[in-house]
Amino acid sequence: KTPLIWINVIGIFLIHLTALIGFITFPYL
């Protein structure tokens, strides 16, 4: 069983969530 590094887990999740919001809402045109 691998111990999680929670600060990495949370950081990677949040930055991916932010990027996803950007991809969806960015006014490309």
PDB file of all heavy atoms in Angstrom:
ATOM      1  N   LYS A   1       0.848  -1.179   0.000  1.00  0.00           N
ATOM      2  CA  LYS A   1       0.000   0.000   0.000  1.00  0.00           C
ATOM      3  C   LYS A   1       0.888   1.234   0.000  1.00  0.00           C
ATOM      4  O   LYS A   1       1.770   1.370   0.850  1.00  0.00           O
ATOM      5  CB  LYS A   1      -0.916   0.002   1.226  1.00  0.00           C
ATOM      6  CG  LYS A   1      -1.954  -1.115   1.210  1.00  0.00           C
ATOM      7  CD  LYS A   1      -2.882  -1.014   2.412  1.00  0.00           C
ATOM      8  CE  LYS A   1      -3.931  -2.117   2.358  1.00  0.00           C
ATOM      9  NZ  LYS A   1      -4.858  -2.055   3.529  1.00  0.00           N
ATOM     10  N   THR A   2       0.639   2.113  -0.950  1.00  0.00           N
ATOM     11  CA  THR A   2       1.474   3.289  -1.108  1.00  0.00           C
ATOM     12  C   THR A   2       0.890   4.478  -0.361  1.00  0.00           C
ATOM     13  O   THR A   2      -0.237   4.880  -0.650  1.00  0.00           O
ATOM     14  CB  THR A   2       1.607   3.658  -2.606  1.00  0.00           C
ATOM     15  OG1 THR A   2       1.969   2.492  -3.328  1.00  0.00           O
ATOM     16  CG2 THR A   2       2.649   4.724  -2.804  1.00  0.00           C
ATOM     17  N   PRO A   3       1.615   5.083   0.566  1.00  0.00           N
ATOM     18  CA  PRO A   3       1.113   6.268   1.271  1.00  0.00           C
ATOM     19  C   PRO A   3       0.966   7.453   0.303  1.00  0.00           C
ATOM     20  O   PRO A   3       1.877   7.743  -0.479  1.00  0.00           O
ATOM     21  CB  PRO A   3       2.198   6.551   2.319  1.00  0.00           C
ATOM     22  CG  PRO A   3       2.996   5.287   2.419  1.00  0.00           C
ATOM     23  CD  PRO A   3       2.922   4.655   1.070  1.00  0.00           C
ATOM     24  N   LEU A   4      -0.169   8.093   0.340  1.00  0.00           N
ATOM     25  CA  LEU A   4      -0.408   9.242  -0.521  1.00  0.00           C
ATOM     26  C   LEU A   4       0.268  10.484   0.045  1.00  0.00           C
ATOM     27  O   LEU A   4       0.413  10.644   1.252  1.00  0.00           O
ATOM     28  CB  LEU A   4      -1.911   9.499  -0.657  1.00  0.00           C
ATOM     29  CG  LEU A   4      -2.729   8.411  -1.346  1.00  0.00           C
ATOM     30  CD1 LEU A   4      -4.203   8.778  -1.320  1.00  0.00           C
ATOM     31  CD2 LEU A   4      -2.266   8.183  -2.771  1.00  0.00           C
ATOM     32  N   ILE A   5       0.681  11.374  -0.859  1.00  0.00           N
ATOM     33  CA  ILE A   5       1.193  12.686  -0.472  1.00  0.00           C
ATOM     34  C   ILE A   5       0.048  13.654  -0.725  1.00  0.00           C
ATOM     35  O   ILE A   5      -0.175  14.107  -1.855  1.00  0.00           O
ATOM     36  CB  ILE A   5       2.437  13.072  -1.297  1.00  0.00           C
ATOM     37  CG1 ILE A   5       3.509  11.993  -1.171  1.00  0.00           C
ATOM     38  CG2 ILE A   5       2.981  14.429  -0.846  1.00  0.00           C
ATOM     39  CD1 ILE A   5       4.721  12.212  -2.055  1.00  0.00           C
ATOM     40  N   TRP A   6      -0.723  13.950   0.311  1.00  0.00           N
ATOM     41  CA  TRP A   6      -1.991  14.647   0.134  1.00  0.00           C
ATOM     42  C   TRP A   6      -1.856  16.041  -0.450  1.00  0.00           C
ATOM     43  O   TRP A   6      -2.726  16.493  -1.197  1.00  0.00           O
ATOM     44  CB  TRP A   6      -2.764  14.670   1.449  1.00  0.00           C
ATOM     45  CG  TRP A   6      -3.431  13.361   1.699  1.00  0.00           C
ATOM     46  CD1 TRP A   6      -3.055  12.394   2.566  1.00  0.00           C
ATOM     47  CD2 TRP A   6      -4.578  12.856   1.003  1.00  0.00           C
ATOM     48  NE1 TRP A   6      -3.889  11.300   2.480  1.00  0.00           N
ATOM     49  CE2 TRP A   6      -4.846  11.553   1.522  1.00  0.00           C
ATOM     50  CE3 TRP A   6      -5.409  13.354  -0.001  1.00  0.00           C
ATOM     51  CZ2 TRP A   6      -5.895  10.775   1.077  1.00  0.00           C
ATOM     52  CZ3 TRP A   6      -6.456  12.575  -0.446  1.00  0.00           C
ATOM     53  CH2 TRP A   6      -6.698  11.304   0.088  1.00  0.00           C
ATOM     54  N   ILE A   7      -0.784  16.725  -0.145  1.00  0.00           N
ATOM     55  CA  ILE A   7      -0.607  18.057  -0.728  1.00  0.00           C
ATOM     56  C   ILE A   7      -0.457  17.977  -2.243  1.00  0.00           C
ATOM     57  O   ILE A   7      -0.941  18.832  -2.993  1.00  0.00           O
ATOM     58  CB  ILE A   7       0.598  18.792  -0.082  1.00  0.00           C
ATOM     59  CG1 ILE A   7       0.600  20.261  -0.522  1.00  0.00           C
ATOM     60  CG2 ILE A   7       1.906  18.102  -0.407  1.00  0.00           C
ATOM     61  CD1 ILE A   7       1.608  21.113   0.217  1.00  0.00           C
ATOM     62  N   ASN A   8       0.197  16.900  -2.725  1.00  0.00           N
ATOM     63  CA  ASN A   8       0.317  16.685  -4.168  1.00  0.00           C
ATOM     64  C   ASN A   8      -1.023  16.297  -4.777  1.00  0.00           C
ATOM     65  O   ASN A   8      -1.387  16.771  -5.863  1.00  0.00           O
ATOM     66  CB  ASN A   8       1.350  15.602  -4.457  1.00  0.00           C
ATOM     67  CG  ASN A   8       2.768  16.059  -4.197  1.00  0.00           C
ATOM     68  OD1 ASN A   8       2.990  17.121  -3.620  1.00  0.00           O
ATOM     69  ND2 ASN A   8       3.735  15.257  -4.602  1.00  0.00           N
ATOM     70  N   VAL A   9      -1.740  15.419  -4.094  1.00  0.00           N
ATOM     71  CA  VAL A   9      -3.051  14.982  -4.584  1.00  0.00           C
ATOM     72  C   VAL A   9      -3.981  16.183  -4.759  1.00  0.00           C
ATOM     73  O   VAL A   9      -4.596  16.372  -5.811  1.00  0.00           O
ATOM     74  CB  VAL A   9      -3.684  13.963  -3.622  1.00  0.00           C
ATOM     75  CG1 VAL A   9      -5.113  13.633  -4.050  1.00  0.00           C
ATOM     76  CG2 VAL A   9      -2.848  12.689  -3.564  1.00  0.00           C
ATOM     77  N   ILE A  10      -4.068  17.004  -3.727  1.00  0.00           N
ATOM     78  CA  ILE A  10      -4.967  18.163  -3.757  1.00  0.00           C
ATOM     79  C   ILE A  10      -4.495  19.173  -4.797  1.00  0.00           C
ATOM     80  O   ILE A  10      -5.299  19.711  -5.572  1.00  0.00           O
ATOM     81  CB  ILE A  10      -5.054  18.806  -2.361  1.00  0.00           C
ATOM     82  CG1 ILE A  10      -5.706  17.833  -1.378  1.00  0.00           C
ATOM     83  CG2 ILE A  10      -5.833  20.112  -2.423  1.00  0.00           C
ATOM     84  CD1 ILE A  10      -5.619  18.262   0.071  1.00  0.00           C
ATOM     85  N   GLY A  11      -3.195  19.434  -4.835  1.00  0.00           N
ATOM     86  CA  GLY A  11      -2.664  20.409  -5.787  1.00  0.00           C
ATOM     87  C   GLY A  11      -2.891  19.996  -7.229  1.00  0.00           C
ATOM     88  O   GLY A  11      -3.317  20.817  -8.062  1.00  0.00           O
ATOM     89  N   ILE A  12      -2.606  18.733  -7.536  1.00  0.00           N
ATOM     90  CA  ILE A  12      -2.795  18.244  -8.912  1.00  0.00           C
ATOM     91  C   ILE A  12      -4.274  18.262  -9.288  1.00  0.00           C
ATOM     92  O   ILE A  12      -4.634  18.640 -10.415  1.00  0.00           O
ATOM     93  CB  ILE A  12      -2.199  16.830  -9.054  1.00  0.00           C
ATOM     94  CG1 ILE A  12      -0.668  16.895  -8.963  1.00  0.00           C
ATOM     95  CG2 ILE A  12      -2.625  16.188 -10.380  1.00  0.00           C
ATOM     96  CD1 ILE A  12       0.015  15.544  -8.895  1.00  0.00           C
ATOM     97  N   PHE A  13      -5.139  17.889  -8.360  1.00  0.00           N
ATOM     98  CA  PHE A  13      -6.576  17.915  -8.638  1.00  0.00           C
ATOM     99  C   PHE A  13      -7.059  19.341  -8.908  1.00  0.00           C
ATOM    100  O   PHE A  13      -7.773  19.582  -9.888  1.00  0.00           O
ATOM    101  CB  PHE A  13      -7.350  17.322  -7.462  1.00  0.00           C
ATOM    102  CG  PHE A  13      -8.843  17.488  -7.578  1.00  0.00           C
ATOM    103  CD1 PHE A  13      -9.579  16.673  -8.429  1.00  0.00           C
ATOM    104  CD2 PHE A  13      -9.511  18.473  -6.866  1.00  0.00           C
ATOM    105  CE1 PHE A  13     -10.957  16.837  -8.555  1.00  0.00           C
ATOM    106  CE2 PHE A  13     -10.880  18.641  -6.982  1.00  0.00           C
ATOM    107  CZ  PHE A  13     -11.608  17.826  -7.833  1.00  0.00           C
ATOM    108  N   LEU A  14      -6.673  20.279  -8.076  1.00  0.00           N
ATOM    109  CA  LEU A  14      -7.163  21.654  -8.215  1.00  0.00           C
ATOM    110  C   LEU A  14      -6.662  22.318  -9.499  1.00  0.00           C
ATOM    111  O   LEU A  14      -7.421  23.019 -10.176  1.00  0.00           O
ATOM    112  CB  LEU A  14      -6.745  22.485  -7.001  1.00  0.00           C
ATOM    113  CG  LEU A  14      -7.446  22.158  -5.682  1.00  0.00           C
ATOM    114  CD1 LEU A  14      -6.904  23.019  -4.557  1.00  0.00           C
ATOM    115  CD2 LEU A  14      -8.969  22.344  -5.821  1.00  0.00           C
ATOM    116  N   ILE A  15      -5.403  22.088  -9.843  1.00  0.00           N
ATOM    117  CA  ILE A  15      -4.890  22.741 -11.045  1.00  0.00           C
ATOM    118  C   ILE A  15      -5.505  22.123 -12.304  1.00  0.00           C
ATOM    119  O   ILE A  15      -5.746  22.806 -13.299  1.00  0.00           O
ATOM    120  CB  ILE A  15      -3.346  22.695 -11.088  1.00  0.00           C
ATOM    121  CG1 ILE A  15      -2.841  23.789 -12.056  1.00  0.00           C
ATOM    122  CG2 ILE A  15      -2.825  21.317 -11.490  1.00  0.00           C
ATOM    123  CD1 ILE A  15      -1.366  24.045 -11.937  1.00  0.00           C
ATOM    124  N   HIS A  16      -5.838  20.826 -12.238  1.00  0.00           N
ATOM    125  CA  HIS A  16      -6.522  20.200 -13.374  1.00  0.00           C
ATOM    126  C   HIS A  16      -7.972  20.685 -13.472  1.00  0.00           C
ATOM    127  O   HIS A  16      -8.481  20.897 -14.581  1.00  0.00           O
ATOM    128  CB  HIS A  16      -6.476  18.672 -13.260  1.00  0.00           C
ATOM    129  CG  HIS A  16      -5.219  18.071 -13.798  1.00  0.00           C
ATOM    130  ND1 HIS A  16      -4.011  18.138 -13.137  1.00  0.00           N
ATOM    131  CD2 HIS A  16      -4.975  17.398 -14.962  1.00  0.00           C
ATOM    132  CE1 HIS A  16      -3.084  17.537 -13.860  1.00  0.00           C
ATOM    133  NE2 HIS A  16      -3.642  17.071 -14.961  1.00  0.00           N
ATOM    134  N   LEU A  17      -8.597  20.861 -12.344  1.00  0.00           N
ATOM    135  CA  LEU A  17      -9.960  21.383 -12.346  1.00  0.00           C
ATOM    136  C   LEU A  17      -9.993  22.802 -12.917  1.00  0.00           C
ATOM    137  O   LEU A  17     -10.861  23.131 -13.736  1.00  0.00           O
ATOM    138  CB  LEU A  17     -10.523  21.384 -10.924  1.00  0.00           C
ATOM    139  CG  LEU A  17     -11.949  21.934 -10.756  1.00  0.00           C
ATOM    140  CD1 LEU A  17     -12.948  21.102 -11.560  1.00  0.00           C
ATOM    141  CD2 LEU A  17     -12.335  21.972  -9.278  1.00  0.00           C
ATOM    142  N   THR A  18      -9.051  23.626 -12.525  1.00  0.00           N
ATOM    143  CA  THR A  18      -8.965  24.997 -13.051  1.00  0.00           C
ATOM    144  C   THR A  18      -8.732  24.990 -14.552  1.00  0.00           C
ATOM    145  O   THR A  18      -9.367  25.750 -15.301  1.00  0.00           O
ATOM    146  CB  THR A  18      -7.825  25.761 -12.348  1.00  0.00           C
ATOM    147  OG1 THR A  18      -8.030  25.741 -10.940  1.00  0.00           O
ATOM    148  CG2 THR A  18      -7.772  27.199 -12.831  1.00  0.00           C
ATOM    149  N   ALA A  19      -7.826  24.132 -15.001  1.00  0.00           N
ATOM    150  CA  ALA A  19      -7.545  24.037 -16.437  1.00  0.00           C
ATOM    151  C   ALA A  19      -8.772  23.577 -17.203  1.00  0.00           C
ATOM    152  O   ALA A  19      -9.062  24.082 -18.297  1.00  0.00           O
ATOM    153  CB  ALA A  19      -6.385  23.074 -16.674  1.00  0.00           C
ATOM    154  N   LEU A  20      -9.523  22.611 -16.636  1.00  0.00           N
ATOM    155  CA  LEU A  20     -10.731  22.119 -17.299  1.00  0.00           C
ATOM    156  C   LEU A  20     -11.760  23.238 -17.453  1.00  0.00           C
ATOM    157  O   LEU A  20     -12.381  23.377 -18.521  1.00  0.00           O
ATOM    158  CB  LEU A  20     -11.324  20.958 -16.493  1.00  0.00           C
ATOM    159  CG  LEU A  20     -12.592  20.322 -17.064  1.00  0.00           C
ATOM    160  CD1 LEU A  20     -12.316  19.723 -18.444  1.00  0.00           C
ATOM    161  CD2 LEU A  20     -13.116  19.247 -16.110  1.00  0.00           C
ATOM    162  N   ILE A  21     -11.932  24.028 -16.413  1.00  0.00           N
ATOM    163  CA  ILE A  21     -12.852  25.167 -16.499  1.00  0.00           C
ATOM    164  C   ILE A  21     -12.394  26.132 -17.588  1.00  0.00           C
ATOM    165  O   ILE A  21     -13.197  26.641 -18.374  1.00  0.00           O
ATOM    166  CB  ILE A  21     -12.927  25.883 -15.130  1.00  0.00           C
ATOM    167  CG1 ILE A  21     -13.589  24.980 -14.094  1.00  0.00           C
ATOM    168  CG2 ILE A  21     -13.686  27.205 -15.256  1.00  0.00           C
ATOM    169  CD1 ILE A  21     -13.517  25.515 -12.677  1.00  0.00           C
ATOM    170  N   GLY A  22     -11.091  26.353 -17.653  1.00  0.00           N
ATOM    171  CA  GLY A  22     -10.553  27.233 -18.691  1.00  0.00           C
ATOM    172  C   GLY A  22     -10.804  26.711 -20.091  1.00  0.00           C
ATOM    173  O   GLY A  22     -11.208  27.453 -20.984  1.00  0.00           O
ATOM    174  N   PHE A  23     -10.576  25.409 -20.294  1.00  0.00           N
ATOM    175  CA  PHE A  23     -10.795  24.807 -21.612  1.00  0.00           C
ATOM    176  C   PHE A  23     -12.261  24.935 -22.046  1.00  0.00           C
ATOM    177  O   PHE A  23     -12.560  25.212 -23.214  1.00  0.00           O
ATOM    178  CB  PHE A  23     -10.407  23.326 -21.601  1.00  0.00           C
ATOM    179  CG  PHE A  23      -8.941  23.077 -21.731  1.00  0.00           C
ATOM    180  CD1 PHE A  23      -8.252  22.354 -20.759  1.00  0.00           C
ATOM    181  CD2 PHE A  23      -8.225  23.549 -22.819  1.00  0.00           C
ATOM    182  CE1 PHE A  23      -6.898  22.128 -20.865  1.00  0.00           C
ATOM    183  CE2 PHE A  23      -6.866  23.326 -22.945  1.00  0.00           C
ATOM    184  CZ  PHE A  23      -6.203  22.617 -21.959  1.00  0.00           C
ATOM    185  N   ILE A  24     -13.157  24.717 -21.107  1.00  0.00           N
ATOM    186  CA  ILE A  24     -14.586  24.718 -21.438  1.00  0.00           C
ATOM    187  C   ILE A  24     -15.112  26.124 -21.695  1.00  0.00           C
ATOM    188  O   ILE A  24     -15.938  26.341 -22.594  1.00  0.00           O
ATOM    189  CB  ILE A  24     -15.391  24.044 -20.302  1.00  0.00           C
ATOM    190  CG1 ILE A  24     -15.031  22.554 -20.223  1.00  0.00           C
ATOM    191  CG2 ILE A  24     -16.895  24.216 -20.521  1.00  0.00           C
ATOM    192  CD1 ILE A  24     -15.650  21.849 -19.032  1.00  0.00           C
ATOM    193  N   THR A  25     -14.640  27.081 -20.927  1.00  0.00           N
ATOM    194  CA  THR A  25     -15.220  28.432 -20.988  1.00  0.00           C
ATOM    195  C   THR A  25     -14.429  29.422 -21.840  1.00  0.00           C
ATOM    196  O   THR A  25     -14.925  30.516 -22.116  1.00  0.00           O
ATOM    197  CB  THR A  25     -15.347  29.007 -19.564  1.00  0.00           C
ATOM    198  OG1 THR A  25     -14.035  29.096 -18.961  1.00  0.00           O
ATOM    199  CG2 THR A  25     -16.250  28.122 -18.713  1.00  0.00           C
ATOM    200  N   PHE A  26     -13.229  29.062 -22.268  1.00  0.00           N
ATOM    201  CA  PHE A  26     -12.397  30.019 -23.008  1.00  0.00           C
ATOM    202  C   PHE A  26     -13.065  30.425 -24.330  1.00  0.00           C
ATOM    203  O   PHE A  26     -13.436  29.574 -25.133  1.00  0.00           O
ATOM    204  CB  PHE A  26     -11.022  29.418 -23.309  1.00  0.00           C
ATOM    205  CG  PHE A  26     -10.048  30.388 -23.929  1.00  0.00           C
ATOM    206  CD1 PHE A  26      -9.375  31.290 -23.129  1.00  0.00           C
ATOM    207  CD2 PHE A  26      -9.815  30.406 -25.297  1.00  0.00           C
ATOM    208  CE1 PHE A  26      -8.470  32.192 -23.675  1.00  0.00           C
ATOM    209  CE2 PHE A  26      -8.915  31.301 -25.862  1.00  0.00           C
ATOM    210  CZ  PHE A  26      -8.239  32.191 -25.047  1.00  0.00           C
ATOM    211  N   PRO A  27     -13.209  31.733 -24.588  1.00  0.00           N
ATOM    212  CA  PRO A  27     -13.831  32.208 -25.837  1.00  0.00           C
ATOM    213  C   PRO A  27     -12.818  32.216 -26.982  1.00  0.00           C
ATOM    214  O   PRO A  27     -12.236  33.244 -27.331  1.00  0.00           O
ATOM    215  CB  PRO A  27     -14.284  33.620 -25.471  1.00  0.00           C
ATOM    216  CG  PRO A  27     -13.348  34.052 -24.390  1.00  0.00           C
ATOM    217  CD  PRO A  27     -12.945  32.823 -23.636  1.00  0.00           C
ATOM    218  N   TYR A  28     -12.593  31.055 -27.566  1.00  0.00           N
ATOM    219  CA  TYR A  28     -11.535  30.883 -28.559  1.00  0.00           C
ATOM    220  C   TYR A  28     -11.645  31.848 -29.736  1.00  0.00           C
ATOM    221  O   TYR A  28     -10.647  32.398 -30.194  1.00  0.00           O
ATOM    222  CB  TYR A  28     -11.550  29.436 -29.074  1.00  0.00           C
ATOM    223  CG  TYR A  28     -11.223  28.412 -28.025  1.00  0.00           C
ATOM    224  CD1 TYR A  28     -12.239  27.783 -27.284  1.00  0.00           C
ATOM    225  CD2 TYR A  28      -9.914  28.043 -27.751  1.00  0.00           C
ATOM    226  CE1 TYR A  28     -11.941  26.840 -26.309  1.00  0.00           C
ATOM    227  CE2 TYR A  28      -9.609  27.099 -26.783  1.00  0.00           C
ATOM    228  CZ  TYR A  28     -10.629  26.504 -26.063  1.00  0.00           C
ATOM    229  OH  TYR A  28     -10.335  25.578 -25.102  1.00  0.00           O
ATOM    230  N   LEU A  29     -12.858  32.080 -30.231  1.00  0.00           N
ATOM    231  CA  LEU A  29     -13.032  32.913 -31.424  1.00  0.00           C
ATOM    232  C   LEU A  29     -12.695  34.376 -31.171  1.00  0.00           C
ATOM    233  O   LEU A  29     -12.328  35.101 -32.100  1.00  0.00           O
ATOM    234  CB  LEU A  29     -14.470  32.791 -31.935  1.00  0.00           C
ATOM    235  CG  LEU A  29     -14.879  31.411 -32.464  1.00  0.00           C
ATOM    236  CD1 LEU A  29     -16.341  31.422 -32.877  1.00  0.00           C
ATOM    237  CD2 LEU A  29     -13.992  30.994 -33.634  1.00  0.00           C
TER     238      LEU A  29
END
